[in-house]
Amino acid sequence: MHVHRKLYFDSQYGIETFALLEDGKITEYNAEPVMSGAVIGNIYKGKVTNVLNGMQAAFVDCGLERHCYISVADLIPDKSRFEGGEIDIPQTLNLHEGDEILVQVTKAAQGKKGAKVTTRLSFVGKYIVYLPDTPFVGVSAKISDKELRKNLTFSAKKQLNEGEGMIVRTAAPYAVISTKKNEIDYFRKIYENILTRFKEAPVGELLYSDSPLHIRVLRDIMLDRGDEIFVGCEQIYKSIEGLAATYMHGNAVKLTLHDAHTDLFYSAGIYEQFMTALMQKVELSNGAYLIIDRTEALTVIDVNTGKFTGEDSLEHTVYCTNVLAAREIARQIKLRDMGGLFVVDFIDMTEENHRAAIVTELEKALRADKSKCRVLPMSKFGLVEFTRKRTGVAASELMLKTCGACHGAGVIRSHESILAEFRAKLLQTLSEGAETVCVDLNFEVANKLMAYDALKENVAALYPHARVYIIFHRTYREDSMYFRKVNTPHFTLPEGTVLLY
């Protein structure tokens, strides 16, 4: 059964955003600052600041906000002991304080924890992952045909120099050998340049950064005929146009530049869908619901029947609810980009085959996730444990911030999230013919807004004859905003009003 996919890209307030809708339902969302980009994959010149022999780990200064963490398992393997396709894991932490090392970020900083780094560098391409220092050849687990896996492994080994390695990606079978060889040669040159720069670079210097968000997404997604791409930023649109030949392979993928007079994500209903997905309570289609509680150690998900009473036996009602819940849980953790340990409290079922079927359904739903997941059998208490590897920074961490009023027990929307909604609603109001608009805003948010000159210039260019006034309110909630269309020639501006443009 073909799934109709729509990809959305935009860039506002210095933040690039991406959303994937499958049959009209949001399944992926990502956002990251344009200037700093994603930290994952960045390569730095680091300096060892503290060695913890008892933990076989060390801390490394990479010039980031917090020192990074490296374990013995993340050191370059002993190439002389590479046998049978297996990587030899170092047994001792051969690092000393003051050592200058070349490291790559594999896991972003989270909370009070610094980023995790490795000396085993890797460069991700469309068809291969190049490993300059790790003599290992692997094939994507999503390629299941044994003969094909064997041929791809043989071909990969022929293209590698001594001491190098490669992981063959899912898209590789669709590319000719010369294309994959060009990728390897390209990454070899990058690696050689990094080694040269490392000698003279100061500690903390960024020596390599991965591609912008839209390029990484198109690199990792296998586009099919009928997929559609919508772009709200002309710069990203031109970039994707240039990538069409490389990443779209002549497929009939429709590329559309959205009319700048309205906001892309707001017009497509993506913004509302995503903000709903950040809530603790998640409604299911049959009236049941999930409660998602995140703690520092793990995430707990509770399944409730809610309004769903079913039309058959209690056991069948519970089973149907749990099946829907398993599918939605997989969607939610992928959408929120959550990682770590999860414990799901499914509704109790008495039949053993139903209990096993729910675990199978959850495993099946998680299989579509590009992040590695591992599911354990259901316990006698009806609990299912599973893990998901998370490497990046979840978009929710950019869209929400810790609430100061409750000392970190909850979160509220970030200024960036509120201002994105302001821009979308303002464009929508002006597109409906309003000549003068007054907007009531929280004092702190209004001050933040006034500093965005790019927004003023953008809206003024689109609606040059309109006037937008901002009314500051010290008692307004931060995420409150009230738009008033004023099209009469004479009106009185409240005290504390400022002309936005």
Protein backbone atom coordinates (compact mmCIF):
# COMPACT_ATOMS: atom_id res chain seq x y z
CA MET A 1 0.00 0.00 0.00
CA HIS A 2 1.54 3.30 -1.15
CA VAL A 3 1.81 6.06 1.44
CA HIS A 4 1.39 9.61 0.13
CA ARG A 5 4.26 11.64 1.59
CA LYS A 6 4.71 15.39 1.77
CA LEU A 7 7.98 16.99 2.91
CA TYR A 8 8.02 20.56 4.23
CA PHE A 9 11.09 22.79 4.68
CA ASP A 10 11.31 26.36 5.94
CA SER A 11 13.69 28.75 7.69
CA GLN A 12 12.54 31.54 10.01
CA TYR A 13 14.15 33.41 12.95
CA GLY A 14 17.46 31.70 12.16
CA ILE A 15 15.91 28.26 12.65
CA GLU A 16 15.53 25.71 9.84
CA THR A 17 12.55 23.39 10.19
CA PHE A 18 11.45 20.15 8.54
CA ALA A 19 8.25 18.11 8.73
CA LEU A 20 7.17 14.88 7.07
CA LEU A 21 3.48 14.11 6.60
CA GLU A 22 2.35 10.63 5.63
CA ASP A 23 -1.25 10.47 4.43
CA GLY A 24 -1.82 13.87 6.05
CA LYS A 25 -0.47 12.85 9.47
CA ILE A 26 2.79 14.28 10.81
CA THR A 27 5.37 11.56 11.46
CA GLU A 28 8.64 13.52 11.66
CA TYR A 29 9.54 17.03 12.78
CA ASN A 30 12.94 18.60 13.23
CA ALA A 31 14.29 22.07 13.88
CA GLU A 32 17.78 23.42 14.40
CA PRO A 33 19.57 26.80 14.45
CA VAL A 34 20.95 27.72 11.02
CA MET A 35 24.15 29.27 12.35
CA SER A 36 25.27 26.45 14.65
CA GLY A 37 23.43 23.63 12.86
CA ALA A 38 23.41 20.12 14.26
CA VAL A 39 26.32 19.22 16.54
CA ILE A 40 26.06 15.52 15.63
CA GLY A 41 28.78 14.60 13.15
CA ASN A 42 30.92 17.67 13.88
CA ILE A 43 34.64 17.02 14.13
CA TYR A 44 36.76 19.04 16.58
CA LYS A 45 40.31 19.28 17.79
CA GLY A 46 39.91 18.31 21.43
CA LYS A 47 42.11 18.23 24.50
CA VAL A 48 41.83 15.62 27.25
CA THR A 49 41.10 17.41 30.53
CA ASN A 50 40.35 14.56 32.91
CA VAL A 51 40.98 10.79 32.74
CA LEU A 52 38.73 8.47 34.75
CA ASN A 53 40.60 5.17 34.75
CA GLY A 54 38.08 3.57 37.07
CA MET A 55 35.34 4.18 34.47
CA GLN A 56 37.60 3.67 31.43
CA ALA A 57 36.51 7.10 30.19
CA ALA A 58 37.75 10.67 29.87
CA PHE A 59 36.51 14.23 29.47
CA VAL A 60 37.56 16.24 26.43
CA ASP A 61 37.49 20.01 25.88
CA CYS A 62 36.08 20.58 22.38
CA GLY A 63 35.26 24.25 22.78
CA LEU A 64 31.58 23.49 23.47
CA GLU A 65 29.54 24.73 26.45
CA ARG A 66 30.36 21.60 28.46
CA HIS A 67 33.28 19.19 28.21
CA CYS A 68 32.61 16.10 26.11
CA TYR A 69 32.71 12.48 27.23
CA ILE A 70 34.63 9.62 25.58
CA SER A 71 34.77 5.96 26.63
CA VAL A 72 37.30 3.27 25.79
CA ALA A 73 34.84 1.73 23.32
CA ASP A 74 34.96 4.95 21.27
CA LEU A 75 38.70 4.85 20.63
CA ILE A 76 40.19 3.81 17.27
CA PRO A 77 40.41 -0.01 17.15
CA ASP A 78 43.69 -1.87 16.84
CA LYS A 79 43.92 -2.38 13.08
CA SER A 80 46.51 -5.16 13.51
CA ARG A 81 43.89 -7.23 15.32
CA PHE A 82 41.09 -6.84 12.78
CA GLU A 83 39.85 -10.32 11.90
CA GLY A 84 36.82 -11.87 10.24
CA GLY A 85 34.97 -8.60 9.70
CA GLU A 86 34.84 -7.83 13.41
CA ILE A 87 36.15 -4.64 15.06
CA ASP A 88 38.62 -5.18 17.88
CA ILE A 89 37.49 -3.04 20.83
CA PRO A 90 40.38 -1.45 22.79
CA GLN A 91 40.73 -2.86 26.30
CA THR A 92 42.52 0.08 27.93
CA LEU A 93 42.03 3.84 27.84
CA ASN A 94 45.32 4.97 26.33
CA LEU A 95 44.72 8.68 26.99
CA HIS A 96 46.46 11.18 29.26
CA GLU A 97 45.57 14.66 30.46
CA GLY A 98 46.78 17.24 27.96
CA ASP A 99 46.59 14.90 24.94
CA GLU A 100 45.26 16.62 21.82
CA ILE A 101 42.94 14.32 19.87
CA LEU A 102 40.65 14.41 16.85
CA VAL A 103 37.08 13.65 17.92
CA GLN A 104 33.62 13.51 16.37
CA VAL A 105 30.33 14.12 18.21
CA THR A 106 28.08 11.05 18.23
CA LYS A 107 25.51 12.20 20.78
CA ALA A 108 24.40 15.76 21.53
CA ALA A 109 24.57 17.28 25.01
CA GLN A 110 21.42 16.78 27.05
CA GLY A 111 20.50 18.41 30.35
CA LYS A 112 23.65 18.61 32.45
CA LYS A 113 25.46 15.98 30.37
CA GLY A 114 28.03 17.00 27.79
CA ALA A 115 28.15 15.61 24.26
CA LYS A 116 29.52 12.13 23.64
CA VAL A 117 32.46 11.89 21.24
CA THR A 118 34.53 9.25 19.47
CA THR A 119 37.90 9.08 17.73
CA ARG A 120 36.43 6.59 15.25
CA LEU A 121 35.44 9.12 12.59
CA SER A 122 32.69 8.50 10.02
CA PHE A 123 31.35 10.46 7.05
CA VAL A 124 27.76 9.85 6.00
CA GLY A 125 26.85 9.97 2.32
CA LYS A 126 23.78 9.02 0.31
CA TYR A 127 25.03 5.52 -0.45
CA ILE A 128 27.83 4.77 1.99
CA VAL A 129 29.24 5.67 5.39
CA TYR A 130 33.00 6.10 5.03
CA LEU A 131 35.16 4.98 7.98
CA PRO A 132 38.71 6.30 7.45
CA ASP A 133 40.24 4.64 10.53
CA THR A 134 38.04 1.61 11.13
CA PRO A 135 38.70 -1.51 8.99
CA PHE A 136 35.13 -2.76 9.02
CA VAL A 137 32.67 -3.48 6.21
CA GLY A 138 28.95 -3.69 6.92
CA VAL A 139 25.66 -3.59 5.05
CA SER A 140 22.44 -1.89 6.17
CA ALA A 141 20.17 -4.28 8.08
CA LYS A 142 17.28 -3.08 5.89
CA ILE A 143 18.88 -4.92 2.95
CA SER A 144 17.70 -8.45 3.73
CA ASP A 145 18.54 -10.37 0.53
CA LYS A 146 21.53 -12.58 1.41
CA GLU A 147 22.97 -12.71 -2.11
CA LEU A 148 22.69 -8.94 -2.50
CA ARG A 149 24.36 -8.38 0.87
CA LYS A 150 27.19 -10.68 -0.17
CA ASN A 151 27.71 -8.85 -3.49
CA LEU A 152 27.62 -5.41 -1.84
CA THR A 153 30.19 -6.50 0.76
CA PHE A 154 32.52 -7.88 -1.92
CA SER A 155 32.20 -4.70 -4.00
CA ALA A 156 32.83 -2.49 -0.96
CA LYS A 157 36.04 -4.30 0.02
CA LYS A 158 37.44 -3.82 -3.50
CA GLN A 159 37.00 -0.05 -3.26
CA LEU A 160 38.73 0.39 0.10
CA ASN A 161 42.36 1.04 0.94
CA GLU A 162 44.13 -0.73 3.78
CA GLY A 163 42.83 0.36 7.19
CA GLU A 164 39.63 1.90 5.80
CA GLY A 165 36.07 0.75 6.32
CA MET A 166 32.60 1.30 4.96
CA ILE A 167 28.94 0.76 5.79
CA VAL A 168 26.76 0.25 2.74
CA ARG A 169 23.50 2.21 3.09
CA THR A 170 19.99 1.21 2.02
CA ALA A 171 20.11 3.33 -1.16
CA ALA A 172 23.35 1.72 -2.39
CA PRO A 173 21.76 -1.00 -4.58
CA TYR A 174 20.16 1.77 -6.67
CA ALA A 175 23.50 3.42 -7.49
CA VAL A 176 26.21 2.37 -9.93
CA ILE A 177 29.67 1.48 -8.58
CA SER A 178 31.26 4.66 -9.97
CA THR A 179 28.81 6.84 -8.02
CA LYS A 180 29.70 5.11 -4.75
CA LYS A 181 33.41 5.36 -5.59
CA ASN A 182 33.00 9.12 -6.15
CA GLU A 183 31.50 9.42 -2.66
CA ILE A 184 34.46 7.57 -1.14
CA ASP A 185 36.98 9.76 -2.99
CA TYR A 186 35.11 12.88 -1.89
CA PHE A 187 35.25 11.88 1.79
CA ARG A 188 38.91 10.82 1.50
CA LYS A 189 39.82 14.37 0.42
CA ILE A 190 37.80 15.84 3.30
CA TYR A 191 39.57 13.54 5.78
CA GLU A 192 43.01 14.45 4.42
CA ASN A 193 42.15 18.14 4.75
CA ILE A 194 41.02 17.61 8.36
CA LEU A 195 44.30 15.89 9.26
CA THR A 196 46.26 18.77 7.74
CA ARG A 197 44.26 21.43 9.60
CA PHE A 198 44.45 19.49 12.88
CA LYS A 199 48.21 20.07 13.16
CA GLU A 200 47.94 23.86 13.33
CA ALA A 201 44.40 24.36 14.68
CA PRO A 202 43.82 25.55 18.28
CA VAL A 203 41.99 23.32 20.76
CA GLY A 204 38.23 23.54 20.28
CA GLU A 205 38.47 24.34 16.56
CA LEU A 206 35.58 22.98 14.44
CA LEU A 207 37.29 21.09 11.61
CA TYR A 208 34.25 19.60 9.89
CA SER A 209 30.50 20.10 10.03
CA ASP A 210 27.76 17.98 8.48
CA SER A 211 25.36 19.34 5.86
CA PRO A 212 22.36 21.62 6.62
CA LEU A 213 19.12 20.01 7.76
CA HIS A 214 17.37 19.94 4.35
CA ILE A 215 20.35 18.28 2.66
CA ARG A 216 20.64 15.60 5.38
CA VAL A 217 16.91 14.85 5.16
CA LEU A 218 16.98 14.42 1.38
CA ARG A 219 20.16 12.37 1.70
CA ASP A 220 18.53 9.96 4.16
CA ILE A 221 15.01 9.65 2.73
CA MET A 222 14.33 7.37 -0.22
CA LEU A 223 12.02 9.53 -2.34
CA ASP A 224 9.33 7.76 -4.37
CA ARG A 225 7.28 8.77 -7.36
CA GLY A 226 4.37 10.88 -6.18
CA ASP A 227 6.15 12.38 -3.16
CA GLU A 228 5.80 16.16 -2.83
CA ILE A 229 8.21 18.75 -1.42
CA PHE A 230 7.01 22.17 -0.23
CA VAL A 231 9.49 24.91 0.65
CA GLY A 232 8.79 28.21 2.40
CA CYS A 233 12.27 29.71 1.99
CA GLU A 234 13.61 30.70 -1.44
CA GLN A 235 17.22 29.97 -0.46
CA ILE A 236 16.39 26.39 0.57
CA TYR A 237 14.22 26.02 -2.56
CA LYS A 238 17.16 26.88 -4.83
CA SER A 239 19.41 24.52 -2.87
CA ILE A 240 16.96 21.63 -3.28
CA GLU A 241 16.59 22.42 -6.98
CA GLY A 242 20.35 21.96 -7.29
CA LEU A 243 20.18 18.65 -5.40
CA ALA A 244 17.36 17.25 -7.54
CA ALA A 245 19.64 15.36 -9.93
CA THR A 246 21.63 13.80 -7.07
CA TYR A 247 18.92 12.88 -4.58
CA MET A 248 15.71 12.54 -6.60
CA HIS A 249 17.04 10.28 -9.38
CA GLY A 250 14.59 11.56 -11.97
CA ASN A 251 11.59 10.49 -9.89
CA ALA A 252 8.45 12.53 -10.47
CA VAL A 253 8.83 14.40 -7.17
CA LYS A 254 6.90 17.66 -7.21
CA LEU A 255 8.84 20.63 -5.79
CA THR A 256 6.81 23.73 -4.86
CA LEU A 257 7.86 27.12 -3.48
CA HIS A 258 5.17 28.34 -1.08
CA ASP A 259 3.72 31.84 -1.47
CA ALA A 260 5.62 34.02 1.02
CA HIS A 261 2.46 35.99 1.89
CA THR A 262 1.41 33.21 4.29
CA ASP A 263 3.38 30.88 6.56
CA LEU A 264 4.00 27.41 5.11
CA PHE A 265 3.77 25.35 8.30
CA TYR A 266 0.76 27.29 9.60
CA SER A 267 -1.13 27.03 6.29
CA ALA A 268 -0.52 23.27 6.05
CA GLY A 269 -1.73 22.69 9.63
CA ILE A 270 1.68 21.30 10.63
CA TYR A 271 2.32 23.76 13.43
CA GLU A 272 -0.91 22.82 15.22
CA GLN A 273 -0.28 19.09 14.74
CA PHE A 274 3.22 19.31 16.17
CA MET A 275 2.31 21.42 19.20
CA THR A 276 -0.46 18.93 19.98
CA ALA A 277 2.12 16.15 19.77
CA LEU A 278 4.17 17.81 22.50
CA MET A 279 1.38 17.46 25.03
CA GLN A 280 1.47 14.92 27.84
CA LYS A 281 -1.93 13.48 26.84
CA VAL A 282 -2.25 11.98 23.36
CA GLU A 283 -5.72 11.10 22.04
CA LEU A 284 -6.18 7.92 20.00
CA SER A 285 -8.63 7.67 17.11
CA ASN A 286 -11.08 5.46 19.04
CA GLY A 287 -11.40 7.74 22.10
CA ALA A 288 -8.68 6.04 24.15
CA TYR A 289 -5.56 8.00 25.08
CA LEU A 290 -1.90 7.83 26.16
CA ILE A 291 -0.20 9.64 29.02
CA ILE A 292 3.51 10.25 28.36
CA ASP A 293 5.63 11.12 31.41
CA ARG A 294 9.31 11.81 30.91
CA THR A 295 11.83 11.58 33.75
CA GLU A 296 15.61 11.86 33.76
CA ALA A 297 16.03 8.07 33.92
CA LEU A 298 13.24 6.85 31.63
CA THR A 299 9.95 7.63 29.92
CA VAL A 300 6.73 6.06 31.19
CA ILE A 301 3.74 5.65 28.88
CA ASP A 302 0.33 4.72 30.26
CA VAL A 303 -2.45 3.39 28.01
CA ASN A 304 -6.08 4.18 28.96
CA THR A 305 -9.37 3.13 27.31
CA GLY A 306 -10.87 6.58 27.87
CA LYS A 307 -14.22 6.92 26.05
CA PHE A 308 -13.76 3.70 24.06
CA THR A 309 -16.07 0.97 25.36
CA GLY A 310 -16.05 -1.32 22.32
CA GLU A 311 -18.83 -3.42 20.89
CA ASP A 312 -17.60 -6.88 21.85
CA SER A 313 -16.04 -8.50 24.91
CA LEU A 314 -13.85 -6.65 27.38
CA GLU A 315 -10.81 -8.63 26.21
CA HIS A 316 -11.40 -7.62 22.57
CA THR A 317 -11.94 -3.97 23.54
CA VAL A 318 -8.68 -3.91 25.50
CA TYR A 319 -6.78 -5.70 22.72
CA CYS A 320 -7.98 -3.23 20.05
CA THR A 321 -6.98 -0.28 22.24
CA ASN A 322 -3.53 -1.73 22.89
CA VAL A 323 -2.93 -2.30 19.15
CA LEU A 324 -3.77 1.34 18.39
CA ALA A 325 -1.62 2.44 21.33
CA ALA A 326 1.41 0.45 20.12
CA ARG A 327 1.26 2.12 16.70
CA GLU A 328 0.79 5.60 18.16
CA ILE A 329 3.62 5.11 20.67
CA ALA A 330 6.03 4.36 17.82
CA ARG A 331 4.86 7.48 15.97
CA GLN A 332 5.10 9.71 19.04
CA ILE A 333 8.65 8.80 20.09
CA LYS A 334 9.87 9.21 16.51
CA LEU A 335 8.08 12.55 16.14
CA ARG A 336 9.41 13.82 19.48
CA ASP A 337 12.82 12.20 18.83
CA MET A 338 12.86 10.74 22.31
CA GLY A 339 15.56 8.29 23.37
CA GLY A 340 16.63 6.07 26.23
CA LEU A 341 14.55 3.57 28.17
CA PHE A 342 10.75 3.38 27.83
CA VAL A 343 8.26 1.49 29.99
CA VAL A 344 4.76 1.07 28.58
CA ASP A 345 1.87 0.11 30.85
CA PHE A 346 -0.55 -1.53 28.43
CA ILE A 347 -4.08 -2.32 29.60
CA ASP A 348 -4.19 -5.79 31.18
CA MET A 349 -5.09 -8.69 28.87
CA THR A 350 -5.78 -12.24 29.98
CA GLU A 351 -5.05 -14.13 26.74
CA GLU A 352 -1.38 -14.94 26.23
CA ASN A 353 -1.62 -14.74 22.42
CA HIS A 354 -2.96 -11.18 22.71
CA ARG A 355 -0.06 -10.19 24.98
CA ALA A 356 2.47 -11.58 22.52
CA ALA A 357 0.67 -9.94 19.59
CA ILE A 358 0.94 -6.48 21.17
CA VAL A 359 4.71 -6.83 21.56
CA THR A 360 4.93 -7.95 17.92
CA GLU A 361 2.81 -4.96 16.85
CA LEU A 362 5.07 -2.55 18.75
CA GLU A 363 8.20 -4.12 17.21
CA LYS A 364 6.66 -3.84 13.75
CA ALA A 365 5.75 -0.17 14.28
CA LEU A 366 9.23 0.66 15.60
CA ARG A 367 10.88 -1.05 12.63
CA ALA A 368 10.07 1.95 10.43
CA ASP A 369 12.18 4.15 12.73
CA LYS A 370 15.70 4.82 11.44
CA SER A 371 16.94 4.91 15.04
CA LYS A 372 17.76 1.55 16.56
CA CYS A 373 15.08 0.16 18.91
CA ARG A 374 15.05 -2.97 21.05
CA VAL A 375 11.86 -4.40 22.59
CA LEU A 376 11.64 -6.91 25.48
CA PRO A 377 8.76 -9.38 26.04
CA MET A 378 5.77 -8.23 28.09
CA SER A 379 6.14 -8.85 31.81
CA LYS A 380 3.50 -10.61 33.89
CA PHE A 381 2.37 -7.16 35.05
CA GLY A 382 1.55 -6.10 31.48
CA LEU A 383 4.63 -3.84 31.16
CA VAL A 384 6.74 -3.66 28.01
CA GLU A 385 10.25 -2.23 28.11
CA PHE A 386 12.04 -0.98 25.02
CA THR A 387 14.95 1.28 24.16
CA ARG A 388 15.50 3.77 21.36
CA LYS A 389 18.80 5.30 20.39
CA ARG A 390 18.66 9.07 20.19
CA THR A 391 21.63 11.07 18.95
CA GLY A 392 20.25 14.48 17.99
CA VAL A 393 18.54 17.27 19.90
CA ALA A 394 14.75 16.86 19.93
CA ALA A 395 12.78 19.67 18.30
CA SER A 396 10.71 19.88 21.50
CA GLU A 397 13.82 21.15 23.33
CA LEU A 398 13.92 24.08 20.91
CA MET A 399 10.17 24.72 21.02
CA LEU A 400 9.78 24.49 24.81
CA LYS A 401 11.73 25.83 27.78
CA THR A 402 11.85 25.02 31.47
CA CYS A 403 9.21 26.81 33.54
CA GLY A 404 10.83 29.05 36.15
CA ALA A 405 7.64 29.30 38.20
CA CYS A 406 7.69 25.60 39.10
CA HIS A 407 11.50 25.37 39.34
CA GLY A 408 11.91 22.97 36.45
CA ALA A 409 9.01 20.61 37.18
CA GLY A 410 7.31 21.60 33.92
CA VAL A 411 7.90 23.34 30.61
CA ILE A 412 6.38 26.26 28.74
CA ARG A 413 6.67 27.38 25.14
CA SER A 414 9.91 29.09 24.11
CA HIS A 415 10.01 32.61 22.68
CA GLU A 416 11.07 31.16 19.30
CA SER A 417 7.94 29.01 19.21
CA ILE A 418 5.67 31.93 20.16
CA LEU A 419 7.25 34.29 17.64
CA ALA A 420 6.88 31.67 14.89
CA GLU A 421 3.15 31.57 15.64
CA PHE A 422 3.03 35.39 15.70
CA ARG A 423 4.56 35.63 12.23
CA ALA A 424 2.20 32.98 10.83
CA LYS A 425 -0.93 34.63 12.27
CA LEU A 426 0.19 38.11 11.21
CA LEU A 427 0.72 37.01 7.60
CA GLN A 428 -2.64 35.25 7.64
CA THR A 429 -4.39 38.38 8.99
CA LEU A 430 -2.74 40.66 6.41
CA SER A 431 -3.50 38.21 3.57
CA GLU A 432 -7.20 38.58 4.45
CA GLY A 433 -7.08 42.26 3.53
CA ALA A 434 -6.38 43.97 6.85
CA GLU A 435 -4.76 47.39 6.38
CA THR A 436 -3.96 48.10 10.02
CA VAL A 437 -3.40 45.46 12.69
CA CYS A 438 -2.97 45.86 16.46
CA VAL A 439 -1.47 42.91 18.33
CA ASP A 440 -1.56 42.53 22.11
CA LEU A 441 1.54 40.69 23.36
CA ASN A 442 3.33 39.80 26.55
CA PHE A 443 5.89 42.50 27.43
CA GLU A 444 8.91 40.17 27.32
CA VAL A 445 7.84 38.55 24.05
CA ALA A 446 7.09 41.96 22.48
CA ASN A 447 10.59 43.19 23.35
CA LYS A 448 12.07 40.07 21.77
CA LEU A 449 9.94 40.63 18.67
CA MET A 450 11.04 44.24 18.21
CA ALA A 451 14.65 43.05 17.87
CA TYR A 452 13.87 40.92 14.79
CA ASP A 453 14.63 43.40 12.01
CA ALA A 454 14.50 40.63 9.40
CA LEU A 455 10.85 39.97 10.26
CA LYS A 456 9.92 43.65 9.93
CA GLU A 457 11.66 43.87 6.55
CA ASN A 458 10.06 40.65 5.33
CA VAL A 459 6.49 41.61 6.26
CA ALA A 460 6.95 45.20 5.04
CA ALA A 461 8.13 43.93 1.66
CA LEU A 462 5.10 41.67 1.32
CA TYR A 463 2.52 44.19 2.61
CA PRO A 464 4.10 47.65 2.14
CA HIS A 465 0.89 49.63 2.70
CA ALA A 466 -0.14 47.89 5.90
CA ARG A 467 0.65 49.08 9.42
CA VAL A 468 1.26 46.79 12.39
CA TYR A 469 1.14 48.05 15.98
CA ILE A 470 2.36 46.10 19.02
CA ILE A 471 0.69 46.68 22.38
CA PHE A 472 2.86 45.67 25.36
CA HIS A 473 1.16 43.90 28.29
CA ARG A 474 3.03 43.12 31.51
CA THR A 475 0.25 40.87 32.84
CA TYR A 476 -0.29 38.84 29.66
CA ARG A 477 0.77 35.19 29.64
CA GLU A 478 3.84 34.69 27.43
CA ASP A 479 2.03 32.62 24.79
CA SER A 480 -1.03 34.92 24.63
CA MET A 481 -1.57 37.09 21.58
CA TYR A 482 -4.65 38.97 20.38
CA PHE A 483 -4.95 40.31 16.82
CA ARG A 484 -7.28 43.23 16.02
CA LYS A 485 -8.00 44.41 12.47
CA VAL A 486 -8.48 48.20 12.40
CA ASN A 487 -9.59 49.39 8.97
CA THR A 488 -11.30 52.66 9.98
CA PRO A 489 -9.47 55.95 9.21
CA HIS A 490 -9.60 57.13 12.82
CA PHE A 491 -8.88 55.03 15.88
CA THR A 492 -7.24 55.60 19.26
CA LEU A 493 -4.05 53.70 20.08
CA PRO A 494 -3.81 52.43 23.67
CA GLU A 495 -0.98 53.68 25.83
CA GLY A 496 2.24 51.72 25.40
CA THR A 497 1.66 50.98 21.69
CA VAL A 498 4.70 50.69 19.39
CA LEU A 499 4.72 50.66 15.60
CA LEU A 500 6.34 47.43 14.39
CA TYR A 501 6.58 48.77 10.81
